[in-house]
């Protein structure tokens, strides 16, 4: 691996881990439920970005598949939480 690519991936991993830890702090101390949902969205996006960066770093396609699964489940979870906050129920009878 190229030295510049290696240093860039390590720097990106550090930034994403820092952003993930700040989202955890926001999740635990969010004043409203909407803030907590946004923190969860940020956490799954940062988790996906960490996996994509690791996939580039280790040159392994498995990380990309797992990142895609996290992205899909995170989107479905965000939609369900938003629907629950707006209407009070996820599945309508």
N, C-alpha and C. Protein backbone atom coordinates (compact mmCIF):
# COMPACT_ATOMS: atom_id res chain seq x y z
N UNK A 1 0.85 -1.17 0.00
CA UNK A 1 0.00 0.00 0.00
C UNK A 1 0.90 1.24 0.00
N UNK A 2 0.44 2.23 -0.68
CA UNK A 2 1.15 3.48 -0.77
C UNK A 2 1.21 4.16 0.60
N UNK A 3 2.32 4.82 0.90
CA UNK A 3 2.50 5.44 2.21
C UNK A 3 1.48 6.55 2.45
N UNK A 4 1.18 7.35 1.43
CA UNK A 4 0.22 8.43 1.59
C UNK A 4 -1.19 7.87 1.81
N UNK A 5 -1.54 6.81 1.09
CA UNK A 5 -2.85 6.18 1.28
C UNK A 5 -2.97 5.58 2.68
N UNK A 6 -1.88 4.99 3.16
CA UNK A 6 -1.88 4.43 4.51
C UNK A 6 -2.10 5.52 5.56
N UNK A 7 -1.37 6.62 5.45
CA UNK A 7 -1.52 7.71 6.41
C UNK A 7 -2.90 8.36 6.31
N UNK A 8 -3.43 8.48 5.11
CA UNK A 8 -4.76 9.07 4.94
C UNK A 8 -5.83 8.17 5.55
N UNK A 9 -5.69 6.86 5.39
CA UNK A 9 -6.70 5.96 5.96
C UNK A 9 -6.62 5.95 7.49
N UNK A 10 -5.43 6.03 8.05
CA UNK A 10 -5.30 6.08 9.51
C UNK A 10 -5.88 7.39 10.05
N UNK A 11 -5.62 8.50 9.36
CA UNK A 11 -6.19 9.79 9.77
C UNK A 11 -7.71 9.77 9.67
N UNK A 12 -8.24 9.21 8.59
CA UNK A 12 -9.69 9.12 8.42
C UNK A 12 -10.31 8.25 9.49
N UNK A 13 -9.68 7.13 9.83
CA UNK A 13 -10.20 6.27 10.90
C UNK A 13 -10.24 7.02 12.22
N UNK A 14 -9.21 7.78 12.51
CA UNK A 14 -9.19 8.57 13.75
C UNK A 14 -10.32 9.59 13.78
N UNK A 15 -10.55 10.25 12.66
CA UNK A 15 -11.63 11.25 12.60
C UNK A 15 -13.00 10.59 12.77
N UNK A 16 -13.19 9.45 12.13
CA UNK A 16 -14.49 8.77 12.23
C UNK A 16 -14.73 8.23 13.63
N UNK A 17 -13.69 7.73 14.28
CA UNK A 17 -13.84 7.25 15.65
C UNK A 17 -14.15 8.41 16.59
N UNK A 18 -13.52 9.55 16.38
CA UNK A 18 -13.81 10.73 17.18
C UNK A 18 -15.26 11.18 16.97
N UNK A 19 -15.71 11.18 15.74
CA UNK A 19 -17.10 11.56 15.46
C UNK A 19 -18.08 10.56 16.08
N UNK A 20 -17.72 9.28 16.06
CA UNK A 20 -18.58 8.27 16.67
C UNK A 20 -18.66 8.45 18.18
N UNK A 21 -17.55 8.78 18.81
CA UNK A 21 -17.58 8.99 20.26
C UNK A 21 -18.37 10.25 20.62
N UNK A 22 -18.28 11.30 19.81
CA UNK A 22 -19.09 12.49 20.06
C UNK A 22 -20.58 12.20 19.87
N UNK A 23 -20.92 11.33 18.93
CA UNK A 23 -22.32 10.95 18.74
C UNK A 23 -22.83 10.13 19.93
N UNK A 24 -21.97 9.31 20.52
CA UNK A 24 -22.37 8.56 21.72
C UNK A 24 -22.65 9.51 22.87
N UNK A 25 -21.83 10.54 23.00
CA UNK A 25 -22.06 11.54 24.05
C UNK A 25 -23.39 12.25 23.80
N UNK A 26 -23.66 12.59 22.55
CA UNK A 26 -24.93 13.26 22.22
C UNK A 26 -26.11 12.32 22.45
N UNK A 27 -25.91 11.04 22.19
CA UNK A 27 -26.99 10.07 22.42
C UNK A 27 -27.32 9.96 23.90
N UNK A 28 -26.31 9.99 24.74
CA UNK A 28 -26.56 9.84 26.17
C UNK A 28 -27.08 11.12 26.82
N UNK A 29 -26.76 12.29 26.26
CA UNK A 29 -27.18 13.52 26.90
C UNK A 29 -28.13 14.37 26.07
N UNK A 30 -28.73 13.79 25.05
CA UNK A 30 -29.63 14.56 24.20
C UNK A 30 -30.86 15.00 24.96
N UNK A 31 -31.24 16.27 24.86
CA UNK A 31 -32.39 16.74 25.63
C UNK A 31 -33.73 16.22 25.09
N UNK A 32 -33.82 15.95 23.80
CA UNK A 32 -35.08 15.47 23.24
C UNK A 32 -34.87 14.15 22.52
N UNK A 33 -35.97 13.51 22.21
CA UNK A 33 -35.89 12.23 21.49
C UNK A 33 -35.39 12.43 20.07
N UNK A 34 -35.70 13.56 19.47
CA UNK A 34 -35.23 13.82 18.10
C UNK A 34 -33.70 13.93 18.07
N UNK A 35 -33.11 14.53 19.10
CA UNK A 35 -31.66 14.59 19.18
C UNK A 35 -31.04 13.20 19.28
N UNK A 36 -31.69 12.34 20.02
CA UNK A 36 -31.18 10.96 20.16
C UNK A 36 -31.29 10.20 18.85
N UNK A 37 -32.37 10.41 18.10
CA UNK A 37 -32.52 9.74 16.80
C UNK A 37 -31.45 10.24 15.83
N UNK A 38 -31.18 11.53 15.83
CA UNK A 38 -30.12 12.07 14.98
C UNK A 38 -28.75 11.54 15.38
N UNK A 39 -28.54 11.35 16.67
CA UNK A 39 -27.27 10.77 17.12
C UNK A 39 -27.15 9.32 16.66
N UNK A 40 -28.24 8.58 16.68
CA UNK A 40 -28.20 7.20 16.16
C UNK A 40 -27.92 7.18 14.67
N UNK A 41 -28.51 8.10 13.92
CA UNK A 41 -28.22 8.20 12.50
C UNK A 41 -26.75 8.49 12.26
N UNK A 42 -26.21 9.40 13.03
CA UNK A 42 -24.80 9.74 12.89
C UNK A 42 -23.92 8.55 13.25
N UNK A 43 -24.35 7.77 14.25
CA UNK A 43 -23.55 6.62 14.65
C UNK A 43 -23.53 5.55 13.57
N UNK A 44 -24.66 5.28 12.93
CA UNK A 44 -24.61 4.23 11.91
C UNK A 44 -23.88 4.71 10.67
N UNK A 45 -23.96 5.98 10.36
CA UNK A 45 -23.20 6.50 9.22
C UNK A 45 -21.70 6.45 9.50
N UNK A 46 -21.31 6.83 10.71
CA UNK A 46 -19.89 6.75 11.06
C UNK A 46 -19.39 5.32 11.12
N UNK A 47 -20.22 4.40 11.61
CA UNK A 47 -19.85 2.99 11.60
C UNK A 47 -19.65 2.46 10.19
N UNK A 48 -20.54 2.88 9.28
CA UNK A 48 -20.41 2.48 7.89
C UNK A 48 -19.12 3.05 7.29
N UNK A 49 -18.82 4.31 7.59
CA UNK A 49 -17.61 4.92 7.05
C UNK A 49 -16.35 4.28 7.62
N UNK A 50 -16.39 3.88 8.88
CA UNK A 50 -15.25 3.17 9.47
C UNK A 50 -15.02 1.85 8.75
N UNK A 51 -16.10 1.12 8.48
CA UNK A 51 -15.93 -0.15 7.78
C UNK A 51 -15.44 0.04 6.35
N UNK A 52 -15.91 1.08 5.67
CA UNK A 52 -15.42 1.34 4.32
C UNK A 52 -13.95 1.70 4.32
N UNK A 53 -13.53 2.48 5.30
CA UNK A 53 -12.12 2.83 5.40
C UNK A 53 -11.26 1.62 5.73
N UNK A 54 -11.76 0.75 6.59
CA UNK A 54 -11.03 -0.49 6.89
C UNK A 54 -10.96 -1.39 5.66
N UNK A 55 -12.02 -1.41 4.86
CA UNK A 55 -12.00 -2.19 3.62
C UNK A 55 -10.95 -1.69 2.65
N UNK A 56 -10.79 -0.38 2.57
CA UNK A 56 -9.72 0.17 1.72
C UNK A 56 -8.34 -0.10 2.31
N UNK A 57 -8.26 -0.01 3.63
CA UNK A 57 -6.98 -0.18 4.31
C UNK A 57 -6.47 -1.62 4.17
N UNK A 58 -7.35 -2.59 4.39
CA UNK A 58 -6.95 -4.00 4.34
C UNK A 58 -7.20 -4.66 2.99
N UNK A 59 -7.79 -3.94 2.05
CA UNK A 59 -8.06 -4.44 0.70
C UNK A 59 -8.90 -5.72 0.75
N UNK A 60 -10.01 -5.68 1.49
CA UNK A 60 -10.88 -6.83 1.66
C UNK A 60 -12.31 -6.44 1.29
N UNK A 61 -12.97 -7.21 0.44
CA UNK A 61 -14.34 -6.86 0.03
C UNK A 61 -15.41 -7.18 1.09
N UNK A 62 -15.06 -7.92 2.13
CA UNK A 62 -16.03 -8.29 3.15
C UNK A 62 -16.53 -7.05 3.89
N UNK A 63 -15.65 -6.11 4.13
CA UNK A 63 -16.03 -4.89 4.84
C UNK A 63 -17.09 -4.09 4.08
N UNK A 64 -17.02 -4.13 2.76
CA UNK A 64 -17.98 -3.38 1.95
C UNK A 64 -19.38 -4.00 2.04
N UNK A 65 -19.45 -5.33 2.10
CA UNK A 65 -20.74 -6.00 2.25
C UNK A 65 -21.37 -5.69 3.61
N UNK A 66 -20.56 -5.72 4.65
CA UNK A 66 -21.07 -5.43 5.98
C UNK A 66 -21.50 -3.96 6.08
N UNK A 67 -20.76 -3.07 5.43
CA UNK A 67 -21.12 -1.65 5.43
C UNK A 67 -22.46 -1.44 4.72
N UNK A 68 -22.70 -2.18 3.66
CA UNK A 68 -23.98 -2.08 2.96
C UNK A 68 -25.13 -2.56 3.84
N UNK A 69 -24.92 -3.64 4.58
CA UNK A 69 -25.95 -4.12 5.51
C UNK A 69 -26.23 -3.10 6.61
N UNK A 70 -25.19 -2.50 7.15
CA UNK A 70 -25.37 -1.48 8.18
C UNK A 70 -26.15 -0.30 7.63
N UNK A 71 -25.86 0.07 6.41
CA UNK A 71 -26.55 1.20 5.78
C UNK A 71 -28.05 0.90 5.61
N UNK A 72 -28.38 -0.28 5.15
CA UNK A 72 -29.78 -0.64 4.93
C UNK A 72 -30.53 -0.72 6.26
N UNK A 73 -29.96 -1.41 7.24
CA UNK A 73 -30.63 -1.54 8.54
C UNK A 73 -30.72 -0.20 9.26
N UNK A 74 -29.72 0.63 9.11
CA UNK A 74 -29.76 1.95 9.73
C UNK A 74 -30.85 2.81 9.13
N UNK A 75 -31.02 2.75 7.81
CA UNK A 75 -32.07 3.52 7.16
C UNK A 75 -33.45 3.05 7.61
N UNK A 76 -33.66 1.75 7.66
CA UNK A 76 -34.96 1.21 8.10
C UNK A 76 -35.21 1.58 9.55
N UNK A 77 -34.20 1.52 10.38
CA UNK A 77 -34.36 1.91 11.78
C UNK A 77 -34.67 3.38 11.94
N UNK A 78 -34.05 4.21 11.12
CA UNK A 78 -34.31 5.65 11.19
C UNK A 78 -35.74 5.97 10.77
N UNK A 79 -36.21 5.31 9.74
CA UNK A 79 -37.59 5.53 9.29
C UNK A 79 -38.58 5.06 10.36
N UNK A 80 -38.29 3.92 10.98
CA UNK A 80 -39.18 3.41 12.03
C UNK A 80 -39.20 4.35 13.24
N UNK A 81 -38.03 4.85 13.63
CA UNK A 81 -37.99 5.76 14.78
C UNK A 81 -38.68 7.08 14.47
N UNK A 82 -38.52 7.59 13.26
CA UNK A 82 -39.19 8.84 12.89
C UNK A 82 -40.70 8.65 12.87
N UNK A 83 -41.15 7.52 12.36
CA UNK A 83 -42.59 7.24 12.34
C UNK A 83 -43.14 7.09 13.75
N UNK A 84 -42.36 6.47 14.62
CA UNK A 84 -42.79 6.31 16.00
C UNK A 84 -42.87 7.66 16.70
N UNK A 85 -41.91 8.54 16.46
CA UNK A 85 -41.93 9.85 17.10
C UNK A 85 -43.08 10.71 16.59
N UNK A 86 -43.43 10.57 15.32
CA UNK A 86 -44.50 11.38 14.76
C UNK A 86 -45.88 10.87 15.13
N UNK A 87 -46.10 9.55 15.05
CA UNK A 87 -47.42 8.99 15.22
C UNK A 87 -47.61 8.17 16.50
N UNK A 88 -46.56 7.78 17.13
CA UNK A 88 -46.68 6.99 18.35
C UNK A 88 -46.78 5.50 18.12
N UNK A 89 -46.75 5.07 16.86
CA UNK A 89 -46.78 3.64 16.54
C UNK A 89 -45.99 3.42 15.24
N UNK A 90 -45.43 2.23 15.12
CA UNK A 90 -44.63 1.95 13.93
C UNK A 90 -45.47 1.25 12.89
N UNK A 91 -46.24 0.26 13.31
CA UNK A 91 -47.10 -0.50 12.38
C UNK A 91 -48.53 -0.07 12.61
N UNK A 92 -49.14 0.42 11.55
CA UNK A 92 -50.53 0.86 11.66
C UNK A 92 -51.46 -0.33 11.52
N UNK A 93 -52.52 -0.37 12.34
CA UNK A 93 -53.46 -1.51 12.24
C UNK A 93 -54.35 -1.41 11.02
